[in-house]
Amino acid sequence: MKNTFRVFVSILCVSLFAACSKDDPTPTPPTPTPLVSDLIKKVWSASNIQWDGNVQYDKTATSNLVAGYAQFKLDLTSSSSVSLTEYDGNKFTGTYSLSSDNKTLTLSSLKTSDGTEPTGTGGTLAFTISGVPTASSLVIESTTAYVKASNKKIRLSLVNP
């Protein structure tokens, strides 16, 4: 009985010392998920462009139906200002907003330096964000047909840088 008591006390002491040890690692807090609004704040260029599902431009191709997409640029680095350089070289500036559900990107008040709006848009282009943007890719699709794309819906697979 005496031995059992000594064994019990010994185990209890060892347990107390182990519990008070400073060797326990501090748990690492989980990495917060980046906000879509932060992920899209970049300068985007064209990687793959489709009009109604037909590829018009592929950055890796040796020739393209619409080679001008090589100069395409969508600058969303400001919190609300946008700069858009289209495949025909026209540069538009305006504002942009992201819907509360992070699914729609709207470019508004788009005009060139001489006040011209993108053809047939009234100065507004709206895009549905496909999937979840990453730090290096953004896929958007026009919500309506676009005159400059032969009245077809466009799908823009964009990359940064």
Protein backbone atom coordinates (compact mmCIF):
# COMPACT_ATOMS: atom_id res chain seq x y z
CA MET A 1 0.00 0.00 0.00
CA LYS A 2 2.86 2.30 0.86
CA ASN A 3 4.47 1.65 -2.55
CA THR A 4 1.22 2.31 -4.35
CA PHE A 5 0.88 5.64 -2.56
CA ARG A 6 4.49 6.61 -3.48
CA VAL A 7 3.93 5.66 -7.11
CA PHE A 8 0.70 7.72 -7.17
CA VAL A 9 2.43 10.77 -5.64
CA SER A 10 5.36 10.41 -8.06
CA ILE A 11 3.04 10.28 -11.07
CA LEU A 12 1.13 13.27 -9.71
CA CYS A 13 4.35 15.30 -9.29
CA VAL A 14 5.58 14.43 -12.78
CA SER A 15 2.19 15.40 -14.21
CA LEU A 16 2.27 18.75 -12.43
CA PHE A 17 5.78 19.52 -13.67
CA ALA A 18 4.82 18.56 -17.23
CA ALA A 19 1.71 20.74 -17.08
CA CYS A 20 3.73 23.75 -15.96
CA SER A 21 6.39 23.31 -18.59
CA LYS A 22 7.07 26.31 -20.87
CA ASP A 23 7.83 24.04 -23.82
CA ASP A 24 4.22 24.20 -25.06
CA PRO A 25 4.24 25.96 -28.43
CA THR A 26 1.98 28.95 -28.85
CA PRO A 27 -0.70 28.09 -31.38
CA THR A 28 -0.38 29.91 -34.68
CA PRO A 29 -3.48 31.95 -35.46
CA PRO A 30 -5.17 31.02 -38.74
CA THR A 31 -4.25 33.09 -41.78
CA PRO A 32 -7.18 35.37 -42.61
CA THR A 33 -8.79 34.89 -46.00
CA PRO A 34 -7.98 37.89 -48.22
CA LEU A 35 -10.94 40.04 -49.23
CA VAL A 36 -11.96 40.04 -52.89
CA SER A 37 -11.72 43.84 -52.83
CA ASP A 38 -8.06 43.54 -51.85
CA LEU A 39 -7.27 40.73 -54.30
CA ILE A 40 -8.50 42.69 -57.33
CA LYS A 41 -6.54 45.88 -56.50
CA LYS A 42 -3.89 45.26 -59.14
CA VAL A 43 -3.00 46.04 -62.73
CA TRP A 44 -4.37 43.20 -64.85
CA SER A 45 -3.38 42.15 -68.36
CA ALA A 46 -5.02 39.72 -70.79
CA SER A 47 -4.15 36.05 -70.65
CA ASN A 48 -7.08 34.50 -72.53
CA ILE A 49 -10.01 36.36 -74.10
CA GLN A 50 -13.16 34.73 -75.45
CA TRP A 51 -16.13 36.18 -77.30
CA ASP A 52 -19.18 33.91 -76.85
CA GLY A 53 -16.84 31.03 -76.04
CA ASN A 54 -14.52 31.51 -79.04
CA VAL A 55 -10.91 32.32 -78.20
CA GLN A 56 -9.91 35.68 -79.66
CA TYR A 57 -6.62 36.06 -77.81
CA ASP A 58 -4.29 33.72 -75.94
CA LYS A 59 -1.14 35.19 -74.44
CA THR A 60 0.79 31.98 -75.17
CA ALA A 61 -0.29 31.69 -78.83
CA THR A 62 1.93 32.71 -81.74
CA SER A 63 -0.97 34.36 -83.56
CA ASN A 64 -4.36 35.65 -82.42
CA LEU A 65 -7.61 36.74 -84.03
CA VAL A 66 -7.52 39.97 -81.98
CA ALA A 67 -3.81 40.61 -81.40
CA GLY A 68 -4.56 44.00 -79.81
CA TYR A 69 -5.40 42.31 -76.52
CA ALA A 70 -1.64 42.20 -75.94
CA GLN A 71 -1.96 45.88 -74.91
CA PHE A 72 -5.14 45.36 -72.81
CA LYS A 73 -4.77 46.68 -69.26
CA LEU A 74 -7.26 46.99 -66.39
CA ASP A 75 -5.85 49.08 -63.55
CA LEU A 76 -7.79 48.67 -60.29
CA THR A 77 -4.98 49.76 -57.95
CA SER A 78 -6.92 52.75 -56.62
CA SER A 79 -9.75 52.14 -54.17
CA SER A 80 -12.38 53.44 -56.62
CA SER A 81 -10.70 54.80 -59.77
CA VAL A 82 -10.21 52.62 -62.81
CA SER A 83 -8.11 52.87 -65.95
CA LEU A 84 -8.97 50.60 -68.86
CA THR A 85 -6.86 50.25 -72.01
CA GLU A 86 -8.84 48.26 -74.56
CA TYR A 87 -7.56 46.07 -77.38
CA ASP A 88 -7.96 48.93 -79.87
CA GLY A 89 -5.62 51.15 -77.83
CA ASN A 90 -8.32 53.45 -76.44
CA LYS A 91 -7.71 54.37 -72.81
CA PHE A 92 -10.67 55.08 -70.56
CA THR A 93 -10.76 56.30 -66.99
CA GLY A 94 -13.64 56.27 -64.54
CA THR A 95 -14.67 54.62 -61.31
CA TYR A 96 -15.29 51.05 -60.27
CA SER A 97 -17.32 49.31 -57.61
CA LEU A 98 -17.65 45.79 -56.31
CA SER A 99 -21.10 44.46 -55.37
CA SER A 100 -21.72 43.58 -51.72
CA ASP A 101 -21.67 39.86 -52.60
CA ASN A 102 -18.29 40.29 -54.38
CA LYS A 103 -19.72 38.82 -57.59
CA THR A 104 -20.10 41.89 -59.83
CA LEU A 105 -17.44 44.39 -60.87
CA THR A 106 -18.90 47.55 -62.41
CA LEU A 107 -16.81 50.12 -64.30
CA SER A 108 -18.67 53.45 -64.49
CA SER A 109 -18.23 56.92 -65.96
CA LEU A 110 -15.70 55.54 -68.45
CA LYS A 111 -14.37 58.22 -70.81
CA THR A 112 -11.28 58.98 -72.85
CA SER A 113 -9.42 62.23 -72.29
CA ASP A 114 -11.61 63.84 -74.98
CA GLY A 115 -14.85 62.62 -73.31
CA THR A 116 -15.62 59.65 -75.57
CA GLU A 117 -17.28 56.63 -73.91
CA PRO A 118 -16.66 53.01 -74.91
CA THR A 119 -18.90 52.30 -77.91
CA GLY A 120 -22.45 51.38 -77.02
CA THR A 121 -21.96 51.31 -73.23
CA GLY A 122 -23.15 54.66 -71.94
CA GLY A 123 -19.85 54.68 -70.07
CA THR A 124 -20.63 51.60 -67.97
CA LEU A 125 -19.32 48.05 -68.23
CA ALA A 126 -20.46 45.37 -65.79
CA PHE A 127 -18.73 42.04 -65.26
CA THR A 128 -19.53 38.93 -63.26
CA ILE A 129 -16.51 37.63 -61.35
CA SER A 130 -16.08 33.92 -62.07
CA GLY A 131 -14.80 31.82 -59.21
CA VAL A 132 -12.56 33.33 -56.58
CA PRO A 133 -9.82 35.76 -57.66
CA THR A 134 -6.28 34.98 -56.57
CA ALA A 135 -3.24 37.20 -56.17
CA SER A 136 -2.30 36.47 -59.79
CA SER A 137 -5.53 35.70 -61.68
CA LEU A 138 -8.96 37.22 -62.20
CA VAL A 139 -11.68 35.91 -64.52
CA ILE A 140 -14.57 38.22 -65.40
CA GLU A 141 -17.44 37.90 -67.86
CA SER A 142 -19.48 40.73 -69.32
CA THR A 143 -23.08 40.76 -68.12
CA THR A 144 -24.31 41.92 -71.54
CA ALA A 145 -23.13 41.73 -75.13
CA TYR A 146 -20.45 44.28 -76.01
CA VAL A 147 -20.56 46.21 -79.29
CA LYS A 148 -16.76 46.22 -79.66
CA ALA A 149 -16.80 42.42 -79.40
CA SER A 150 -19.16 41.99 -82.35
CA ASN A 151 -22.14 42.19 -79.96
CA LYS A 152 -20.98 39.12 -78.03
CA LYS A 153 -20.41 38.45 -74.36
CA ILE A 154 -16.75 38.50 -73.43
CA ARG A 155 -14.83 36.40 -70.95
CA LEU A 156 -11.58 37.95 -69.79
CA SER A 157 -9.03 35.71 -68.07
CA LEU A 158 -6.62 38.25 -66.60
CA VAL A 159 -3.24 37.90 -64.93
CA ASN A 160 -1.00 39.98 -62.72
CA PRO A 161 1.71 40.81 -63.57
